[in-house]
Amino acid sequence: MKRVLKIGAEAEVYITKFLGYDVVVKRRLSKPYRIPEVDKMIREQRTKRELRIMHTVKLMGVNAPAVIFSDVENGIIVMELVRGISLKEALDEKKPKEQVLKLLKRIGELVGILHKNDIIHGDLTPANIIIDDDTKDVFFIDFGLSEVSRELRLKAIDIHVFKESLKTLTDEYETYMLAFIEGYSKTFPRSSEVLKIEHDIEKMGRYVKG
C-alpha cells in the first residue's frame, strides 16, 4: 500500500511501509525515448549524486531525511518520513508573524551553510522545506536537482527561486526575505556578492516581462 506524494518528470515520490516503518520512497522513472543503456546510466548517476549530497548535507549539520536503503541500479532511495509541515503550509495557515520571521532567519542561516560548502539545492521552494513536528527545526527535502558548485550565480538562482516562490504565497514576502537575508548573511561570508547577482537576475526578469 502506498500513498503517492508527487509524480514529476524525473521521479515518483510516495509513502509506504518498510520493515514496519513509514518511509518515503523516491523512484526515478525510466524514459522510453532514451536508449535503454543511456537511460540506466543517467538514472544511476543522478541517484548517486543525490545520495552523496544528502549525506554531505547532514555532515555539515543541516537536516535532511536519513537514507534507510538505496538501490542505485534501479534509481530508488528509501528515506525517513519527516513528520511536520512545509513552510508553504505554515504560510497558508497564517502562523504568527514573529514565529515565521524566526523560521525564515533560521532557513537563511542553513541555506548560507549549504552555499558556504558549495551545495546548490536546485529547487529551493517553501514546499521543500519542512518544520519537524518534534524538534521544530528545519529539514530540507528533494535534492534531486542539487549539485556541488562554487559558482555564485547558481547560488543566486537558489535565492531567486526561493524569493519568487515566497511571493506567490504571502504579501509579507519582503519582510520575510529580510529575515532570511539576515540569517543567510550570518553564515555565508560571500552573501553580499550572491545577493547582488540575485538582484540583477530579478531586474532582468522584470525587463523581459516588460
Protein backbone atom coordinates (compact mmCIF):
# COMPACT_ATOMS: atom_id res chain seq x y z
CA MET A 1 0.00 0.00 0.00
CA LYS A 2 1.44 3.35 -0.96
CA ARG A 3 0.33 6.98 -0.87
CA VAL A 4 1.68 9.00 -3.77
CA LEU A 5 3.07 12.41 -2.78
CA LYS A 6 4.33 13.56 -6.16
CA ILE A 7 4.83 12.31 -9.69
CA GLY A 8 7.21 14.55 -11.58
CA ALA A 9 9.07 14.43 -14.85
CA GLU A 10 12.01 12.63 -13.26
CA ALA A 11 10.61 10.59 -10.39
CA GLU A 12 7.66 9.48 -8.33
CA VAL A 13 7.67 10.00 -4.56
CA TYR A 14 5.39 8.08 -2.24
CA ILE A 15 4.89 6.99 1.37
CA THR A 16 4.85 3.27 2.13
CA LYS A 17 5.91 0.74 4.77
CA PHE A 18 9.48 -0.58 5.00
CA LEU A 19 10.40 -3.05 7.75
CA GLY A 20 7.26 -1.95 9.57
CA TYR A 21 8.04 1.78 9.46
CA ASP A 22 6.50 4.58 7.42
CA VAL A 23 9.07 5.74 4.87
CA VAL A 24 9.31 7.95 1.82
CA VAL A 25 10.40 6.26 -1.39
CA LYS A 26 11.76 8.13 -4.39
CA ARG A 27 11.92 6.15 -7.61
CA ARG A 28 13.45 7.65 -10.72
CA LEU A 29 11.35 6.95 -13.76
CA SER A 30 12.66 5.32 -16.91
CA LYS A 31 12.33 7.43 -20.06
CA PRO A 32 11.13 5.38 -23.07
CA TYR A 33 12.57 7.91 -25.55
CA ARG A 34 16.11 7.28 -24.29
CA ILE A 35 18.40 4.46 -25.39
CA PRO A 36 17.96 1.93 -22.54
CA GLU A 37 21.68 1.84 -21.67
CA VAL A 38 21.86 5.65 -21.58
CA ASP A 39 18.65 5.86 -19.55
CA LYS A 40 20.02 3.44 -16.96
CA MET A 41 23.31 5.34 -16.74
CA ILE A 42 21.56 8.71 -16.26
CA ARG A 43 19.27 7.38 -13.52
CA GLU A 44 22.20 5.74 -11.73
CA GLN A 45 24.36 8.88 -11.90
CA ARG A 46 21.57 11.14 -10.63
CA THR A 47 20.70 8.76 -7.82
CA LYS A 48 24.35 8.53 -6.74
CA ARG A 49 24.69 12.31 -6.80
CA GLU A 50 21.54 12.80 -4.74
CA LEU A 51 22.66 10.23 -2.16
CA ARG A 52 26.10 11.82 -1.91
CA ILE A 53 24.69 15.31 -1.42
CA MET A 54 22.15 14.17 1.19
CA HIS A 55 24.99 12.55 3.15
CA THR A 56 27.22 15.63 2.80
CA VAL A 57 24.44 17.97 3.92
CA LYS A 58 23.92 16.02 7.14
CA LEU A 59 27.66 16.07 7.87
CA MET A 60 27.63 19.87 7.80
CA GLY A 61 24.82 19.99 10.37
CA VAL A 62 21.92 20.73 8.03
CA ASN A 63 18.90 18.47 8.43
CA ALA A 64 17.92 16.19 5.56
CA PRO A 65 15.99 12.90 5.65
CA ALA A 66 18.11 9.92 6.70
CA VAL A 67 18.65 7.38 3.94
CA ILE A 68 17.46 3.94 5.05
CA PHE A 69 18.07 1.97 1.87
CA SER A 70 19.10 2.64 -1.70
CA ASP A 71 19.07 0.72 -4.97
CA VAL A 72 21.20 2.78 -7.31
CA GLU A 73 20.79 0.39 -10.23
CA ASN A 74 17.02 0.93 -10.20
CA GLY A 75 17.11 4.59 -9.15
CA ILE A 76 15.45 4.03 -5.76
CA ILE A 77 16.06 5.88 -2.46
CA VAL A 78 14.20 4.88 0.71
CA MET A 79 14.38 7.57 3.38
CA GLU A 80 12.85 8.54 6.69
CA LEU A 81 9.49 10.25 6.71
CA VAL A 82 9.96 13.67 8.31
CA ARG A 83 6.72 14.38 10.13
CA GLY A 84 5.84 18.04 10.07
CA ILE A 85 4.51 20.80 7.87
CA SER A 86 6.18 22.52 4.97
CA LEU A 87 6.99 26.21 5.01
CA LYS A 88 4.31 26.55 2.32
CA GLU A 89 1.72 25.02 4.67
CA ALA A 90 2.90 27.22 7.55
CA LEU A 91 2.34 30.30 5.39
CA ASP A 92 -1.01 29.01 4.13
CA GLU A 93 -2.11 28.50 7.75
CA LYS A 94 -1.05 32.08 8.54
CA LYS A 95 1.16 31.24 11.52
CA PRO A 96 2.02 34.20 13.84
CA LYS A 97 4.32 36.69 12.10
CA GLU A 98 7.03 36.58 14.79
CA GLN A 99 7.13 32.80 14.53
CA VAL A 100 7.52 32.96 10.75
CA LEU A 101 10.24 35.63 10.94
CA LYS A 102 12.25 33.44 13.32
CA LEU A 103 11.75 30.50 11.00
CA LEU A 104 12.87 32.47 7.92
CA LYS A 105 16.01 33.62 9.69
CA ARG A 106 16.83 30.01 10.58
CA ILE A 107 16.22 28.90 6.99
CA GLY A 108 18.54 31.67 5.78
CA GLU A 109 21.28 30.52 8.16
CA LEU A 110 21.01 26.94 6.88
CA VAL A 111 21.00 27.95 3.21
CA GLY A 112 24.09 30.02 3.99
CA ILE A 113 25.79 26.91 5.37
CA LEU A 114 24.86 24.96 2.24
CA HIS A 115 26.23 27.68 -0.04
CA LYS A 116 29.37 28.15 2.04
CA ASN A 117 30.04 24.46 1.38
CA ASP A 118 29.18 24.84 -2.33
CA ILE A 119 25.92 22.87 -2.16
CA ILE A 120 23.28 24.19 -4.55
CA HIS A 121 19.82 22.89 -3.65
CA GLY A 122 18.39 23.46 -7.11
CA ASP A 123 14.72 23.58 -6.11
CA LEU A 124 14.66 25.80 -3.03
CA THR A 125 10.92 26.33 -2.63
CA PRO A 126 8.78 26.54 0.54
CA ALA A 127 7.30 23.14 -0.37
CA ASN A 128 10.76 21.56 0.01
CA ILE A 129 11.38 22.95 3.49
CA ILE A 130 9.81 21.01 6.38
CA ILE A 131 9.41 22.08 10.01
CA ASP A 132 9.76 18.93 12.10
CA ASP A 133 6.85 18.28 14.48
CA ASP A 134 9.08 17.17 17.36
CA THR A 135 12.20 19.34 17.19
CA LYS A 136 10.60 22.32 15.38
CA ASP A 137 13.84 22.53 13.41
CA VAL A 138 14.12 22.87 9.64
CA PHE A 139 14.62 19.96 7.23
CA PHE A 140 15.42 20.31 3.53
CA ILE A 141 13.98 17.69 1.19
CA ASP A 142 14.15 16.79 -2.50
CA PHE A 143 17.80 17.07 -3.53
CA GLY A 144 17.08 15.66 -6.99
CA LEU A 145 18.29 18.81 -8.76
CA SER A 146 21.12 19.56 -6.33
CA GLU A 147 24.73 19.91 -7.33
CA VAL A 148 28.11 20.91 -5.98
CA SER A 149 29.43 24.16 -7.43
CA ARG A 150 31.45 27.21 -6.43
CA GLU A 151 29.59 29.36 -8.98
CA LEU A 152 27.98 32.33 -7.26
CA ARG A 153 25.34 32.68 -9.98
CA LEU A 154 23.93 29.23 -9.16
CA LYS A 155 23.71 30.23 -5.51
CA ALA A 156 21.94 33.43 -6.55
CA ILE A 157 19.46 31.38 -8.59
CA ASP A 158 18.74 29.30 -5.46
CA ILE A 159 17.88 32.54 -3.61
CA HIS A 160 15.85 33.85 -6.55
CA VAL A 161 13.77 30.68 -6.80
CA PHE A 162 13.06 30.90 -3.07
CA LYS A 163 12.08 34.57 -3.26
CA GLU A 164 9.81 34.11 -6.28
CA SER A 165 8.11 31.15 -4.59
CA LEU A 166 7.60 33.20 -1.44
CA LYS A 167 5.99 36.00 -3.47
CA THR A 168 3.21 33.67 -4.59
CA LEU A 169 2.37 32.67 -1.01
CA THR A 170 2.31 35.83 1.08
CA ASP A 171 2.02 39.60 0.85
CA GLU A 172 4.64 39.75 3.62
CA TYR A 173 7.36 38.26 1.41
CA GLU A 174 9.57 41.38 1.55
CA THR A 175 9.61 41.36 5.36
CA TYR A 176 10.20 37.62 5.42
CA MET A 177 13.03 37.89 2.88
CA LEU A 178 14.76 40.44 5.12
CA ALA A 179 14.74 37.86 7.92
CA PHE A 180 16.03 35.21 5.50
CA ILE A 181 18.83 37.51 4.31
CA GLU A 182 19.78 38.32 7.92
CA GLY A 183 20.32 34.62 8.59
CA TYR A 184 21.97 33.99 5.23
CA SER A 185 24.47 36.82 5.72
CA LYS A 186 25.34 35.48 9.16
CA THR A 187 26.63 32.13 7.88
CA PHE A 188 27.84 32.84 4.33
CA PRO A 189 30.75 35.29 4.01
CA ARG A 190 30.08 35.98 0.31
CA SER A 191 26.38 36.64 0.80
CA SER A 192 26.55 40.25 -0.42
CA GLU A 193 28.02 39.12 -3.76
CA VAL A 194 25.33 36.48 -4.22
CA LEU A 195 22.54 38.90 -3.26
CA LYS A 196 23.85 41.45 -5.78
CA ILE A 197 23.72 38.81 -8.53
CA GLU A 198 20.21 37.81 -7.42
CA HIS A 199 19.13 41.44 -7.65
CA ASP A 200 20.48 41.60 -11.22
CA ILE A 201 18.59 38.39 -12.10
CA GLU A 202 15.40 39.90 -10.70
CA LYS A 203 15.89 43.12 -12.71
CA MET A 204 16.49 41.13 -15.87
CA GLY A 205 13.29 39.16 -15.24
CA ARG A 206 11.31 42.40 -14.89
CA TYR A 207 12.89 43.74 -18.09
CA VAL A 208 12.00 40.59 -20.04
CA LYS A 209 8.42 40.59 -18.71
CA GLY A 210 8.05 44.28 -19.52
